[in-house]
Structures are given as structure tokens and as C-alpha cells.
């Protein structure tokens, strides 16, 4: 079994409040429209089997942005981490998928007109118009692992910094024979970077459950 000192960095990376991993699922870059110098601060913590084992603060500062790319400085004082990351909006991967027609899906209680795209082992439901979420549902399997993701709530407001923020709740799961991984993200256009909260749950074959959560506490 891995030592705690090895587990913490792994789960920290898994719940990093970074919408860039969701960019292929979004219709617009989560930093677009915000001026350089914009700051977002997250409070994050890690629990193992219900016990808090670590807590840290992540500060993200927008250095530069265009419609399709952003440079974000990320500082975690407790880890002495100071990173500059570039994330780009790319949905051009759809060109490699087969078009299976159109279908209106009921997603989280809402009827959503979708384009249906597929590839070997996977299928994607793409919203034709409307909301900020681009891929509203997907299912794919590879090498014994089943991945699913979907919008689970279109209107799930959170209280952030004394303000009620409208959010779309998006859930991703990965299932293998001996492990389960789930990430729930509250997406919003009201906060720079596009994330109000992110929660990651990981269970392995040894029965250990790790839960990491990052919450926005301020932005300016």
C-alpha cells in the first residue's frame, strides 16, 4: 500500500480546481471574458476514510487570455508550488467521430436536442445549442474500464462568498474491477475559471476511500 505522503499528491492532482480538463466538454473557454489579473482562491481538503488528513489553499491568477486559450498561474503555498499552465479550448476532435444522427435526450429532467457522435467503444451526446455545457452525456469503455459522464443538474445553486451562484452539476465516473473513481464539478459562468466546487471520490480494492474537495472562497 502507498504511504500517505505518496497518496496526498495523487489526490491533490485529481481534484485540482482546473476546468481545463473539462474544456472539451464546454462551449466556451472558462476564463474568456475575464481581464488579466483576475484572481480566484480555493480552499481544498483531503479526507481518507472520513478523517481529514490535509488542507491547502490554491490561488489562481489569470495572466493572459484569448477566446480559445488562457495562461493561469497557480500557487499552493503549503506545497511551495508555483505553476504556470496554458489551457486551450479544442472541440475539433469531433471530426474523428462518426455521426449517428440527432436525438432529443432527457438530461437531468430537461429535453435537450443533441447530435449523437460515436467511435469504437464510445458514444457522445452533443448539445446543439443553448447551455454552456457542450457534451451533456458520454459513455465509453476501454481496457476493462467504463467511463461515464453527464449533466446531473442544470440548476444547482451554491452559496459562495455570501452570494448565491447558479451552477450546472456535472458528474464523471470510472469503474474498473477493483476501483471506483467519481468526480462531481459545479460549473458556472459567474466565477472566473468556470468552477465553483469540485469533489473527487476514489475507492480502491483495499477498501480505502479518499475524498478530496475544492471550494471557491473568493474571487476578484
Protein backbone atom coordinates (compact mmCIF):
# COMPACT_ATOMS: atom_id res chain seq x y z
CA UNK A 1 0.00 0.00 0.00
CA UNK A 2 1.20 3.52 -0.84
CA UNK A 3 2.32 5.72 2.01
CA UNK A 4 0.17 8.75 2.85
CA UNK A 5 2.95 11.03 1.59
CA UNK A 6 2.50 9.46 -1.85
CA UNK A 7 -1.31 9.38 -1.78
CA UNK A 8 -1.79 13.05 -0.99
CA UNK A 9 -0.07 14.43 -4.12
CA UNK A 10 -2.03 11.98 -6.28
CA UNK A 11 -5.42 13.01 -4.94
CA UNK A 12 -4.34 16.68 -4.94
CA UNK A 13 -3.77 16.46 -8.67
CA UNK A 14 -7.06 14.65 -9.14
CA UNK A 15 -9.12 17.42 -7.52
CA UNK A 16 -7.10 20.42 -8.72
CA UNK A 17 -9.73 23.10 -9.44
CA UNK A 18 -8.84 23.30 -13.11
CA UNK A 19 -11.59 23.46 -15.71
CA UNK A 20 -9.07 22.81 -18.48
CA UNK A 21 -9.67 19.06 -18.08
CA UNK A 22 -13.33 19.78 -18.90
CA UNK A 23 -12.64 22.14 -21.80
CA UNK A 24 -13.62 19.56 -24.46
CA UNK A 25 -16.99 19.41 -22.66
CA UNK A 26 -17.59 23.18 -22.63
CA UNK A 27 -18.80 25.56 -25.32
CA UNK A 28 -16.61 28.48 -24.28
CA UNK A 29 -13.27 28.82 -22.53
CA UNK A 30 -13.93 29.16 -18.76
CA UNK A 31 -11.52 32.13 -18.48
CA UNK A 32 -12.77 34.01 -21.54
CA UNK A 33 -14.30 37.39 -20.76
CA UNK A 34 -12.26 37.94 -17.57
CA UNK A 35 -9.41 40.51 -17.53
CA UNK A 36 -5.77 39.61 -16.85
CA UNK A 37 -5.02 39.86 -13.14
CA UNK A 38 -8.30 38.19 -12.13
CA UNK A 39 -7.75 36.03 -9.01
CA UNK A 40 -9.69 33.00 -7.72
CA UNK A 41 -8.92 31.32 -4.39
CA UNK A 42 -9.91 27.78 -3.44
CA UNK A 43 -9.98 26.06 -0.06
CA UNK A 44 -9.18 22.36 -0.50
CA UNK A 45 -9.08 19.40 1.81
CA UNK A 46 -8.48 15.67 1.65
CA UNK A 47 -10.22 13.01 3.75
CA UNK A 48 -9.27 9.35 3.99
CA UNK A 49 -11.97 7.10 5.41
CA UNK A 50 -13.74 10.18 6.79
CA UNK A 51 -10.70 11.69 8.53
CA UNK A 52 -9.21 14.99 7.30
CA UNK A 53 -5.52 14.43 6.59
CA UNK A 54 -4.60 17.57 4.68
CA UNK A 55 -5.88 21.06 3.85
CA UNK A 56 -4.43 23.67 1.50
CA UNK A 57 -5.19 26.88 -0.39
CA UNK A 58 -4.89 27.26 -4.16
CA UNK A 59 -4.74 30.71 -5.73
CA UNK A 60 -5.21 31.03 -9.48
CA UNK A 61 -4.31 34.25 -11.31
CA UNK A 62 -5.20 34.85 -14.95
CA UNK A 63 -2.07 36.08 -16.72
CA UNK A 64 -3.41 36.30 -20.28
CA UNK A 65 -6.40 35.01 -22.24
CA UNK A 66 -7.91 34.87 -25.70
CA UNK A 67 -11.18 33.31 -26.81
CA UNK A 68 -9.52 29.87 -27.07
CA UNK A 69 -6.56 29.87 -24.67
CA UNK A 70 -5.58 31.08 -21.21
CA UNK A 71 -2.38 31.28 -19.19
CA UNK A 72 -3.08 30.78 -15.48
CA UNK A 73 -0.61 31.00 -12.59
CA UNK A 74 -1.43 28.56 -9.81
CA UNK A 75 0.14 28.94 -6.35
CA UNK A 76 -0.21 26.48 -3.44
CA UNK A 77 1.83 27.91 -0.52
CA UNK A 78 1.56 24.78 1.62
CA UNK A 79 3.19 22.76 -1.16
CA UNK A 80 5.62 25.50 -2.25
CA UNK A 81 4.10 25.11 -5.70
CA UNK A 82 4.10 27.91 -8.27
CA UNK A 83 2.98 26.75 -11.71
CA UNK A 84 2.10 28.44 -14.99
CA UNK A 85 -0.29 26.42 -17.08
CA UNK A 86 -1.72 27.02 -20.53
CA UNK A 87 -5.08 25.52 -21.40
CA UNK A 88 -6.75 25.63 -24.78
CA UNK A 89 -10.31 25.17 -25.98
CA UNK A 90 -10.44 22.39 -28.51
CA UNK A 91 -13.56 20.64 -29.77
CA UNK A 92 -12.01 19.77 -33.13
CA UNK A 93 -11.67 16.13 -32.03
CA UNK A 94 -15.26 15.68 -33.11
CA UNK A 95 -14.03 15.49 -36.69
CA UNK A 96 -12.74 11.98 -35.91
CA UNK A 97 -16.13 10.75 -34.64
CA UNK A 98 -18.88 9.08 -36.64
CA UNK A 99 -22.16 10.97 -36.88
CA UNK A 100 -25.07 8.80 -35.76
CA UNK A 101 -27.78 11.36 -36.30
CA UNK A 102 -29.76 13.57 -33.95
CA UNK A 103 -31.87 12.79 -30.92
CA UNK A 104 -33.65 14.69 -28.18
CA UNK A 105 -32.42 13.37 -24.83
CA UNK A 106 -33.88 13.88 -21.37
CA UNK A 107 -30.86 15.04 -19.38
CA UNK A 108 -31.43 15.83 -15.68
CA UNK A 109 -35.13 16.33 -16.36
CA UNK A 110 -34.64 18.64 -19.36
CA UNK A 111 -35.25 17.80 -23.00
CA UNK A 112 -32.02 18.57 -24.88
CA UNK A 113 -31.73 18.33 -28.69
CA UNK A 114 -28.43 16.57 -29.35
CA UNK A 115 -26.16 15.41 -32.10
CA UNK A 116 -25.06 11.82 -31.47
CA UNK A 117 -21.44 11.00 -32.27
CA UNK A 118 -19.62 7.71 -31.78
CA UNK A 119 -16.30 5.94 -32.03
CA UNK A 120 -15.31 2.33 -31.27
CA UNK A 121 -16.23 1.76 -27.63
CA UNK A 122 -17.85 5.14 -27.05
CA UNK A 123 -20.77 7.44 -27.74
CA UNK A 124 -21.21 11.19 -27.13
CA UNK A 125 -24.33 13.34 -26.95
CA UNK A 126 -23.55 16.93 -28.04
CA UNK A 127 -25.97 19.74 -27.18
CA UNK A 128 -26.99 21.52 -30.36
CA UNK A 129 -27.46 24.90 -28.72
CA UNK A 130 -28.26 26.73 -25.50
CA UNK A 131 -26.24 25.98 -22.39
CA UNK A 132 -22.54 26.35 -21.68
CA UNK A 133 -22.10 22.57 -21.47
CA UNK A 134 -21.08 21.10 -24.84
CA UNK A 135 -21.08 17.35 -24.15
CA UNK A 136 -24.14 16.62 -21.99
CA UNK A 137 -23.57 12.86 -21.81
CA UNK A 138 -20.98 10.28 -22.84
CA UNK A 139 -20.29 6.58 -22.35
CA UNK A 140 -17.12 4.75 -23.33
CA UNK A 141 -15.17 1.63 -22.42
CA UNK A 142 -11.54 0.71 -22.91
CA UNK A 143 -9.16 -1.84 -21.37
CA UNK A 144 -11.66 -3.03 -18.77
CA UNK A 145 -12.58 0.48 -17.57
CA UNK A 146 -16.01 2.02 -18.13
CA UNK A 147 -16.25 5.81 -18.22
CA UNK A 148 -19.49 7.74 -17.95
CA UNK A 149 -20.19 11.43 -17.67
CA UNK A 150 -23.34 13.54 -17.74
CA UNK A 151 -25.04 16.68 -16.55
CA UNK A 152 -26.94 15.62 -13.41
CA UNK A 153 -28.49 19.00 -12.52
CA UNK A 154 -28.98 22.11 -14.64
CA UNK A 155 -29.80 24.40 -11.72
CA UNK A 156 -27.84 23.60 -8.57
CA UNK A 157 -27.00 26.93 -6.89
CA UNK A 158 -24.17 27.19 -4.37
CA UNK A 159 -23.56 29.82 -1.69
CA UNK A 160 -20.07 31.15 -2.47
CA UNK A 161 -18.60 34.13 -0.62
CA UNK A 162 -22.02 35.17 0.60
CA UNK A 163 -23.50 35.08 -2.91
CA UNK A 164 -25.80 32.52 -4.49
CA UNK A 165 -24.11 31.30 -7.66
CA UNK A 166 -26.05 29.43 -10.38
CA UNK A 167 -24.29 26.18 -11.29
CA UNK A 168 -24.60 23.19 -13.59
CA UNK A 169 -23.60 19.97 -11.79
CA UNK A 170 -21.54 17.61 -13.95
CA UNK A 171 -20.54 14.09 -12.89
CA UNK A 172 -17.83 11.77 -14.20
CA UNK A 173 -17.32 8.15 -13.13
CA UNK A 174 -14.77 5.47 -13.96
CA UNK A 175 -15.41 1.85 -12.98
CA UNK A 176 -12.91 -0.98 -13.07
CA UNK A 177 -12.94 -4.41 -11.47
CA UNK A 178 -11.25 -3.26 -8.26
CA UNK A 179 -11.68 0.50 -8.24
CA UNK A 180 -14.19 3.30 -8.49
CA UNK A 181 -13.49 6.95 -9.23
CA UNK A 182 -16.09 9.73 -9.31
CA UNK A 183 -15.68 13.47 -9.84
CA UNK A 184 -18.50 15.97 -9.42
CA UNK A 185 -17.95 19.50 -10.65
CA UNK A 186 -20.19 22.53 -10.19
CA UNK A 187 -19.72 24.59 -13.37
CA UNK A 188 -20.64 28.26 -13.60
CA UNK A 189 -20.01 31.27 -15.82
CA UNK A 190 -20.31 33.58 -12.80
CA UNK A 191 -16.85 32.72 -11.41
CA UNK A 192 -13.55 33.09 -13.31
CA UNK A 193 -12.22 29.73 -14.41
CA UNK A 194 -15.68 28.21 -14.52
CA UNK A 195 -15.63 26.08 -11.33
CA UNK A 196 -17.38 26.80 -8.02
CA UNK A 197 -16.73 23.41 -6.42
CA UNK A 198 -15.05 20.12 -7.31
CA UNK A 199 -15.33 16.86 -5.35
CA UNK A 200 -13.39 13.68 -6.11
CA UNK A 201 -14.07 10.27 -4.54
CA UNK A 202 -11.74 7.34 -5.05
CA UNK A 203 -12.17 3.79 -3.73
CA UNK A 204 -9.68 1.03 -4.32
CA UNK A 205 -9.63 -2.71 -3.86
CA UNK A 206 -8.08 -2.27 -0.41
CA UNK A 207 -11.33 -0.66 0.81
CA UNK A 208 -9.74 2.75 1.43
CA UNK A 209 -11.96 5.70 0.44
CA UNK A 210 -10.36 9.05 -0.34
CA UNK A 211 -12.47 12.18 -0.79
CA UNK A 212 -10.99 15.47 -1.93
CA UNK A 213 -12.91 18.71 -2.30
CA UNK A 214 -12.03 22.19 -3.54
CA UNK A 215 -14.35 25.15 -2.94
CA UNK A 216 -14.06 28.73 -4.17
CA UNK A 217 -13.82 31.14 -1.24
CA UNK A 218 -13.21 34.40 -3.10
CA UNK A 219 -12.53 35.95 -6.49
CA UNK A 220 -11.64 39.43 -7.63
